[in-house]
């Protein structure tokens, strides 16, 4: 354990001594990257007596993003993430089908770079907070992630259990510059999806909330001509 700790300390010293990237080094640059993590059902009633988290388990999420930093304190990020959650086995019981809650979404975030206020000669760490909005293309499938949406089991039984819903999210994270052009980040976000529609789904299906735990990497490069 001591050797591991010593090795980790040496690695951190090497990175700190060789990487001179600072948050303001990304000003005027475009970033492209990939990200992945877990989506965790957190809030909202799914039926009259069960919540979102009672029905579905933790699922994966993966996507791609673009960033632009007009000033060192602020970064604009947009992207697309595909995520899905499987119906829990205890809810599914003996049924042969495997329903999923699928919710790919496109989003735009405003990122407030707290690292821009850290005064250090070689500042490679950028903690940040963020808030944004998105469009969620969700559905409850009949069998498998790419299955057809099921028919809503209440009312007239003619509505498919799907929708295109706006939503909002907020969170925080930390970004570490491995090189002046490459950064790694880890963050958590809470998503609120405005899924409630009493005309289609009745009074018992509410707005749904989920927690997104994500890691990713971004490559930063100057925009052509600048």
C-alpha atoms as a PDB file:
ATOM      1  CA  UNK A   1       0.000   0.000   0.000  1.00  0.00           C
ATOM      2  CA  UNK A   2       2.860   2.392   0.825  1.00  0.00           C
ATOM      3  CA  UNK A   3       4.482   1.682  -2.550  1.00  0.00           C
ATOM      4  CA  UNK A   4       1.190   2.380  -4.296  1.00  0.00           C
ATOM      5  CA  UNK A   5       0.811   5.674  -2.440  1.00  0.00           C
ATOM      6  CA  UNK A   6       4.381   6.685  -3.256  1.00  0.00           C
ATOM      7  CA  UNK A   7       3.898   5.807  -6.929  1.00  0.00           C
ATOM      8  CA  UNK A   8       0.676   7.839  -7.096  1.00  0.00           C
ATOM      9  CA  UNK A   9       2.404  10.821  -5.500  1.00  0.00           C
ATOM     10  CA  UNK A  10       5.284  10.630  -7.994  1.00  0.00           C
ATOM     11  CA  UNK A  11       2.825  10.431 -10.915  1.00  0.00           C
ATOM     12  CA  UNK A  12       0.991  13.520  -9.673  1.00  0.00           C
ATOM     13  CA  UNK A  13       4.286  15.411  -9.342  1.00  0.00           C
ATOM     14  CA  UNK A  14       5.287  14.447 -12.884  1.00  0.00           C
ATOM     15  CA  UNK A  15       1.965  15.629 -14.306  1.00  0.00           C
ATOM     16  CA  UNK A  16       2.115  18.857 -12.312  1.00  0.00           C
ATOM     17  CA  UNK A  17       5.673  19.564 -13.448  1.00  0.00           C
ATOM     18  CA  UNK A  18       5.150  18.813 -17.135  1.00  0.00           C
ATOM     19  CA  UNK A  19       1.609  20.020 -17.873  1.00  0.00           C
ATOM     20  CA  UNK A  20       1.369  23.789 -18.013  1.00  0.00           C
ATOM     21  CA  UNK A  21      -2.252  23.856 -19.234  1.00  0.00           C
ATOM     22  CA  UNK A  22      -4.465  26.427 -17.558  1.00  0.00           C
ATOM     23  CA  UNK A  23      -8.176  27.022 -17.881  1.00  0.00           C
ATOM     24  CA  UNK A  24      -7.579  30.276 -19.746  1.00  0.00           C
ATOM     25  CA  UNK A  25      -5.533  28.318 -22.279  1.00  0.00           C
ATOM     26  CA  UNK A  26      -8.806  27.020 -23.715  1.00  0.00           C
ATOM     27  CA  UNK A  27     -10.240  30.495 -24.405  1.00  0.00           C
ATOM     28  CA  UNK A  28     -11.257  30.746 -28.053  1.00  0.00           C
ATOM     29  CA  UNK A  29     -10.749  27.016 -28.624  1.00  0.00           C
ATOM     30  CA  UNK A  30     -13.184  24.350 -29.740  1.00  0.00           C
ATOM     31  CA  UNK A  31     -13.330  21.083 -27.831  1.00  0.00           C
ATOM     32  CA  UNK A  32     -14.571  17.681 -28.990  1.00  0.00           C
ATOM     33  CA  UNK A  33     -14.920  14.669 -26.760  1.00  0.00           C
ATOM     34  CA  UNK A  34     -16.678  11.540 -25.607  1.00  0.00           C
ATOM     35  CA  UNK A  35     -18.273  10.654 -22.301  1.00  0.00           C
ATOM     36  CA  UNK A  36     -19.870   7.751 -20.513  1.00  0.00           C
ATOM     37  CA  UNK A  37     -21.251   6.744 -17.150  1.00  0.00           C
ATOM     38  CA  UNK A  38     -24.359   5.652 -15.279  1.00  0.00           C
ATOM     39  CA  UNK A  39     -27.916   6.980 -15.141  1.00  0.00           C
ATOM     40  CA  UNK A  40     -29.641   6.392 -11.803  1.00  0.00           C
ATOM     41  CA  UNK A  41     -33.446   6.738 -11.407  1.00  0.00           C
ATOM     42  CA  UNK A  42     -34.004   9.192  -8.565  1.00  0.00           C
ATOM     43  CA  UNK A  43     -37.450  10.785  -8.364  1.00  0.00           C
ATOM     44  CA  UNK A  44     -40.959  10.900  -9.757  1.00  0.00           C
ATOM     45  CA  UNK A  45     -44.013   8.649  -9.568  1.00  0.00           C
ATOM     46  CA  UNK A  46     -44.269   6.055 -12.300  1.00  0.00           C
ATOM     47  CA  UNK A  47     -47.638   4.643 -11.277  1.00  0.00           C
ATOM     48  CA  UNK A  48     -50.061   5.385  -8.467  1.00  0.00           C
ATOM     49  CA  UNK A  49     -48.114   3.325  -5.924  1.00  0.00           C
ATOM     50  CA  UNK A  50     -44.583   3.025  -7.358  1.00  0.00           C
ATOM     51  CA  UNK A  51     -41.779   5.468  -8.088  1.00  0.00           C
ATOM     52  CA  UNK A  52     -39.403   5.619 -11.047  1.00  0.00           C
ATOM     53  CA  UNK A  53     -36.682   3.901  -9.007  1.00  0.00           C
ATOM     54  CA  UNK A  54     -39.090   1.127  -7.947  1.00  0.00           C
ATOM     55  CA  UNK A  55     -39.523   0.085 -11.573  1.00  0.00           C
ATOM     56  CA  UNK A  56     -36.141   0.589 -13.235  1.00  0.00           C
ATOM     57  CA  UNK A  57     -32.533  -0.038 -12.248  1.00  0.00           C
ATOM     58  CA  UNK A  58     -29.293   1.809 -12.928  1.00  0.00           C
ATOM     59  CA  UNK A  59     -28.367   1.903 -16.623  1.00  0.00           C
ATOM     60  CA  UNK A  60     -25.478   3.026 -18.809  1.00  0.00           C
ATOM     61  CA  UNK A  61     -25.139   6.281 -20.693  1.00  0.00           C
ATOM     62  CA  UNK A  62     -22.651   7.222 -23.401  1.00  0.00           C
ATOM     63  CA  UNK A  63     -22.298  10.061 -25.866  1.00  0.00           C
ATOM     64  CA  UNK A  64     -20.264  12.830 -27.470  1.00  0.00           C
ATOM     65  CA  UNK A  65     -19.949  16.562 -26.863  1.00  0.00           C
ATOM     66  CA  UNK A  66     -18.615  19.857 -28.188  1.00  0.00           C
ATOM     67  CA  UNK A  67     -17.326  22.754 -26.086  1.00  0.00           C
ATOM     68  CA  UNK A  68     -16.426  26.386 -26.681  1.00  0.00           C
ATOM     69  CA  UNK A  69     -14.857  28.722 -24.110  1.00  0.00           C
ATOM     70  CA  UNK A  70     -15.448  32.414 -24.971  1.00  0.00           C
ATOM     71  CA  UNK A  71     -13.934  33.613 -21.668  1.00  0.00           C
ATOM     72  CA  UNK A  72     -11.944  31.689 -19.073  1.00  0.00           C
ATOM     73  CA  UNK A  73     -14.765  31.784 -16.530  1.00  0.00           C
ATOM     74  CA  UNK A  74     -17.390  30.238 -18.808  1.00  0.00           C
ATOM     75  CA  UNK A  75     -17.643  27.287 -21.191  1.00  0.00           C
ATOM     76  CA  UNK A  76     -20.567  26.394 -23.439  1.00  0.00           C
ATOM     77  CA  UNK A  77     -21.077  22.651 -23.900  1.00  0.00           C
ATOM     78  CA  UNK A  78     -23.526  20.817 -26.128  1.00  0.00           C
ATOM     79  CA  UNK A  79     -23.900  17.135 -26.844  1.00  0.00           C
ATOM     80  CA  UNK A  80     -25.954  14.003 -27.229  1.00  0.00           C
ATOM     81  CA  UNK A  81     -26.156  11.092 -24.798  1.00  0.00           C
ATOM     82  CA  UNK A  82     -27.858   7.730 -25.234  1.00  0.00           C
ATOM     83  CA  UNK A  83     -29.053   6.105 -22.029  1.00  0.00           C
ATOM     84  CA  UNK A  84     -31.388   3.290 -21.017  1.00  0.00           C
ATOM     85  CA  UNK A  85     -32.521   1.451 -17.877  1.00  0.00           C
ATOM     86  CA  UNK A  86     -33.836  -2.097 -17.623  1.00  0.00           C
ATOM     87  CA  UNK A  87     -37.050  -3.006 -15.801  1.00  0.00           C
ATOM     88  CA  UNK A  88     -36.089  -4.585 -12.483  1.00  0.00           C
ATOM     89  CA  UNK A  89     -36.266  -8.372 -12.312  1.00  0.00           C
ATOM     90  CA  UNK A  90     -38.533  -8.321  -9.264  1.00  0.00           C
ATOM     91  CA  UNK A  91     -41.013  -6.173 -11.204  1.00  0.00           C
ATOM     92  CA  UNK A  92     -40.691  -8.201 -14.412  1.00  0.00           C
ATOM     93  CA  UNK A  93     -41.363 -11.474 -12.617  1.00  0.00           C
ATOM     94  CA  UNK A  94     -41.871 -14.433 -14.956  1.00  0.00           C
ATOM     95  CA  UNK A  95     -42.634 -12.439 -18.089  1.00  0.00           C
ATOM     96  CA  UNK A  96     -40.450 -13.391 -21.048  1.00  0.00           C
ATOM     97  CA  UNK A  97     -40.115  -9.845 -22.385  1.00  0.00           C
ATOM     98  CA  UNK A  98     -37.507  -7.386 -21.113  1.00  0.00           C
ATOM     99  CA  UNK A  99     -38.947  -3.838 -21.029  1.00  0.00           C
ATOM    100  CA  UNK A 100     -36.598  -0.842 -20.846  1.00  0.00           C
ATOM    101  CA  UNK A 101     -36.873   2.865 -20.206  1.00  0.00           C
ATOM    102  CA  UNK A 102     -34.896   4.426 -23.071  1.00  0.00           C
ATOM    103  CA  UNK A 103     -34.110   8.157 -22.926  1.00  0.00           C
ATOM    104  CA  UNK A 104     -31.568   9.510 -25.426  1.00  0.00           C
ATOM    105  CA  UNK A 105     -31.238  13.273 -25.079  1.00  0.00           C
ATOM    106  CA  UNK A 106     -29.633  16.327 -26.666  1.00  0.00           C
ATOM    107  CA  UNK A 107     -28.495  19.094 -24.328  1.00  0.00           C
ATOM    108  CA  UNK A 108     -26.762  22.451 -23.893  1.00  0.00           C
ATOM    109  CA  UNK A 109     -24.885  23.309 -20.676  1.00  0.00           C
ATOM    110  CA  UNK A 110     -23.439  26.486 -19.291  1.00  0.00           C
ATOM    111  CA  UNK A 111     -20.281  25.644 -17.325  1.00  0.00           C
ATOM    112  CA  UNK A 112     -18.891  28.078 -14.726  1.00  0.00           C
ATOM    113  CA  UNK A 113     -15.147  27.404 -14.413  1.00  0.00           C
ATOM    114  CA  UNK A 114     -14.079  27.812 -10.797  1.00  0.00           C
ATOM    115  CA  UNK A 115     -10.550  26.873 -11.841  1.00  0.00           C
ATOM    116  CA  UNK A 116     -10.228  30.278 -13.481  1.00  0.00           C
ATOM    117  CA  UNK A 117     -10.013  31.775  -9.973  1.00  0.00           C
ATOM    118  CA  UNK A 118      -7.257  29.447  -8.767  1.00  0.00           C
ATOM    119  CA  UNK A 119      -3.987  31.358  -8.795  1.00  0.00           C
ATOM    120  CA  UNK A 120      -1.195  28.880  -9.523  1.00  0.00           C
ATOM    121  CA  UNK A 121       1.748  28.897 -11.911  1.00  0.00           C
ATOM    122  CA  UNK A 122       0.750  25.501 -13.304  1.00  0.00           C
ATOM    123  CA  UNK A 123      -2.946  25.175 -12.691  1.00  0.00           C
ATOM    124  CA  UNK A 124      -4.157  21.904 -14.200  1.00  0.00           C
ATOM    125  CA  UNK A 125      -7.284  21.383 -12.075  1.00  0.00           C
ATOM    126  CA  UNK A 126     -10.590  23.052 -12.920  1.00  0.00           C
ATOM    127  CA  UNK A 127     -13.535  22.430 -10.570  1.00  0.00           C
ATOM    128  CA  UNK A 128     -16.805  23.699 -12.045  1.00  0.00           C
ATOM    129  CA  UNK A 129     -20.556  23.946 -11.638  1.00  0.00           C
ATOM    130  CA  UNK A 130     -23.050  23.733 -14.476  1.00  0.00           C
ATOM    131  CA  UNK A 131     -26.691  24.112 -15.430  1.00  0.00           C
ATOM    132  CA  UNK A 132     -28.523  23.536 -18.664  1.00  0.00           C
ATOM    133  CA  UNK A 133     -31.465  22.134 -20.528  1.00  0.00           C
ATOM    134  CA  UNK A 134     -32.237  19.424 -23.014  1.00  0.00           C
ATOM    135  CA  UNK A 135     -34.750  17.482 -25.053  1.00  0.00           C
ATOM    136  CA  UNK A 136     -35.385  13.868 -23.983  1.00  0.00           C
ATOM    137  CA  UNK A 137     -36.695  11.358 -26.534  1.00  0.00           C
ATOM    138  CA  UNK A 138     -37.972   8.769 -24.054  1.00  0.00           C
ATOM    139  CA  UNK A 139     -40.089   5.640 -24.286  1.00  0.00           C
ATOM    140  CA  UNK A 140     -40.926   2.502 -22.333  1.00  0.00           C
ATOM    141  CA  UNK A 141     -40.237  -0.416 -24.648  1.00  0.00           C
ATOM    142  CA  UNK A 142     -42.061  -3.724 -24.867  1.00  0.00           C
ATOM    143  CA  UNK A 143     -38.945  -5.879 -25.228  1.00  0.00           C
ATOM    144  CA  UNK A 144     -35.311  -4.784 -25.441  1.00  0.00           C
ATOM    145  CA  UNK A 145     -33.724  -1.353 -25.676  1.00  0.00           C
ATOM    146  CA  UNK A 146     -34.850  -0.850 -29.284  1.00  0.00           C
ATOM    147  CA  UNK A 147     -38.300  -2.380 -28.835  1.00  0.00           C
ATOM    148  CA  UNK A 148     -41.591  -0.708 -29.693  1.00  0.00           C
ATOM    149  CA  UNK A 149     -43.201   1.520 -27.052  1.00  0.00           C
ATOM    150  CA  UNK A 150     -45.805  -0.241 -24.967  1.00  0.00           C
ATOM    151  CA  UNK A 151     -49.411   0.956 -24.729  1.00  0.00           C
ATOM    152  CA  UNK A 152     -50.107   2.935 -21.591  1.00  0.00           C
ATOM    153  CA  UNK A 153     -52.023   0.607 -19.235  1.00  0.00           C
ATOM    154  CA  UNK A 154     -54.531   3.161 -17.958  1.00  0.00           C
ATOM    155  CA  UNK A 155     -57.489   5.058 -19.361  1.00  0.00           C
ATOM    156  CA  UNK A 156     -58.542   4.034 -22.843  1.00  0.00           C
ATOM    157  CA  UNK A 157     -55.303   2.108 -23.353  1.00  0.00           C
ATOM    158  CA  UNK A 158     -54.594   3.694 -26.729  1.00  0.00           C
ATOM    159  CA  UNK A 159     -51.620   5.935 -25.918  1.00  0.00           C
ATOM    160  CA  UNK A 160     -48.079   4.710 -26.495  1.00  0.00           C
ATOM    161  CA  UNK A 161     -45.861   5.191 -23.451  1.00  0.00           C
ATOM    162  CA  UNK A 162     -43.398   7.601 -25.038  1.00  0.00           C
ATOM    163  CA  UNK A 163     -42.797  11.284 -25.501  1.00  0.00           C
ATOM    164  CA  UNK A 164     -40.471  14.094 -26.507  1.00  0.00           C
ATOM    165  CA  UNK A 165     -40.015  16.129 -23.350  1.00  0.00           C
ATOM    166  CA  UNK A 166     -38.049  19.178 -22.364  1.00  0.00           C
ATOM    167  CA  UNK A 167     -36.008  19.059 -19.201  1.00  0.00           C
ATOM    168  CA  UNK A 168     -33.424  20.821 -17.077  1.00  0.00           C
ATOM    169  CA  UNK A 169     -30.356  19.683 -15.200  1.00  0.00           C
ATOM    170  CA  UNK A 170     -27.662  21.010 -12.891  1.00  0.00           C
ATOM    171  CA  UNK A 171     -24.520  19.604 -11.342  1.00  0.00           C
ATOM    172  CA  UNK A 172     -20.825  19.923 -10.614  1.00  0.00           C
ATOM    173  CA  UNK A 173     -17.575  18.290 -11.590  1.00  0.00           C
ATOM    174  CA  UNK A 174     -13.833  18.548 -11.873  1.00  0.00           C
ATOM    175  CA  UNK A 175     -11.660  18.742 -14.992  1.00  0.00           C
ATOM    176  CA  UNK A 176      -7.964  17.831 -15.045  1.00  0.00           C
ATOM    177  CA  UNK A 177      -5.653  18.860 -17.884  1.00  0.00           C
ATOM    178  CA  UNK A 178      -3.336  15.966 -18.701  1.00  0.00           C
ATOM    179  CA  UNK A 179      -1.750  18.054 -21.469  1.00  0.00           C
ATOM    180  CA  UNK A 180      -2.509  21.620 -22.623  1.00  0.00           C
ATOM    181  CA  UNK A 181      -4.803  20.151 -25.297  1.00  0.00           C
ATOM    182  CA  UNK A 182      -6.357  17.163 -23.499  1.00  0.00           C
ATOM    183  CA  UNK A 183      -8.523  17.206 -20.390  1.00  0.00           C
ATOM    184  CA  UNK A 184     -10.322  14.524 -18.408  1.00  0.00           C
ATOM    185  CA  UNK A 185     -13.427  15.207 -16.334  1.00  0.00           C
ATOM    186  CA  UNK A 186     -15.781  13.586 -13.850  1.00  0.00           C
ATOM    187  CA  UNK A 187     -19.140  15.080 -12.954  1.00  0.00           C
ATOM    188  CA  UNK A 188     -22.575  14.455 -11.531  1.00  0.00           C
ATOM    189  CA  UNK A 189     -25.830  15.956 -12.801  1.00  0.00           C
ATOM    190  CA  UNK A 190     -29.449  15.820 -11.692  1.00  0.00           C
ATOM    191  CA  UNK A 191     -31.923  15.667 -14.589  1.00  0.00           C
ATOM    192  CA  UNK A 192     -35.573  16.668 -14.332  1.00  0.00           C
ATOM    193  CA  UNK A 193     -37.567  15.448 -17.327  1.00  0.00           C
ATOM    194  CA  UNK A 194     -40.935  17.161 -17.860  1.00  0.00           C
ATOM    195  CA  UNK A 195     -42.756  13.916 -18.714  1.00  0.00           C
ATOM    196  CA  UNK A 196     -46.048  14.548 -16.929  1.00  0.00           C
ATOM    197  CA  UNK A 197     -49.010  14.734 -19.310  1.00  0.00           C
ATOM    198  CA  UNK A 198     -52.378  14.243 -17.619  1.00  0.00           C
ATOM    199  CA  UNK A 199     -54.279  14.150 -20.927  1.00  0.00           C
ATOM    200  CA  UNK A 200     -52.216  11.212 -22.208  1.00  0.00           C
ATOM    201  CA  UNK A 201     -51.085   9.388 -19.068  1.00  0.00           C
ATOM    202  CA  UNK A 202     -53.455  10.450 -16.294  1.00  0.00           C
ATOM    203  CA  UNK A 203     -52.631  11.932 -12.896  1.00  0.00           C
ATOM    204  CA  UNK A 204     -50.318   9.224 -11.581  1.00  0.00           C
ATOM    205  CA  UNK A 205     -47.410   9.490 -14.020  1.00  0.00           C
ATOM    206  CA  UNK A 206     -45.190  12.377 -12.879  1.00  0.00           C
ATOM    207  CA  UNK A 207     -42.131  14.293 -14.024  1.00  0.00           C
ATOM    208  CA  UNK A 208     -39.164  11.954 -13.740  1.00  0.00           C
ATOM    209  CA  UNK A 209     -35.757  12.687 -12.214  1.00  0.00           C
ATOM    210  CA  UNK A 210     -32.439  10.897 -12.626  1.00  0.00           C
ATOM    211  CA  UNK A 211     -28.849  11.335 -11.493  1.00  0.00           C
ATOM    212  CA  UNK A 212     -26.133  11.122 -14.133  1.00  0.00           C
ATOM    213  CA  UNK A 213     -22.635  10.091 -12.961  1.00  0.00           C
ATOM    214  CA  UNK A 214     -20.260  10.632 -15.879  1.00  0.00           C
ATOM    215  CA  UNK A 215     -16.602  10.648 -16.882  1.00  0.00           C
ATOM    216  CA  UNK A 216     -15.182  11.858 -20.177  1.00  0.00           C
ATOM    217  CA  UNK A 217     -12.353  13.410 -22.114  1.00  0.00           C
ATOM    218  CA  UNK A 218     -12.117  16.494 -24.305  1.00  0.00           C
ATOM    219  CA  UNK A 219      -9.559  17.493 -26.909  1.00  0.00           C
ATOM    220  CA  UNK A 220      -9.157  21.280 -27.291  1.00  0.00           C
ATOM    221  CA  UNK A 221      -7.867  22.898 -30.474  1.00  0.00           C
ATOM    222  CA  UNK A 222      -7.822  26.406 -31.979  1.00  0.00           C
ATOM    223  CA  UNK A 223     -10.570  27.307 -34.418  1.00  0.00           C
ATOM    224  CA  UNK A 224      -9.240  27.667 -37.964  1.00  0.00           C
ATOM    225  CA  UNK A 225      -7.992  31.139 -38.717  1.00  0.00           C
ATOM    226  CA  UNK A 226      -7.563  32.119 -35.070  1.00  0.00           C
END
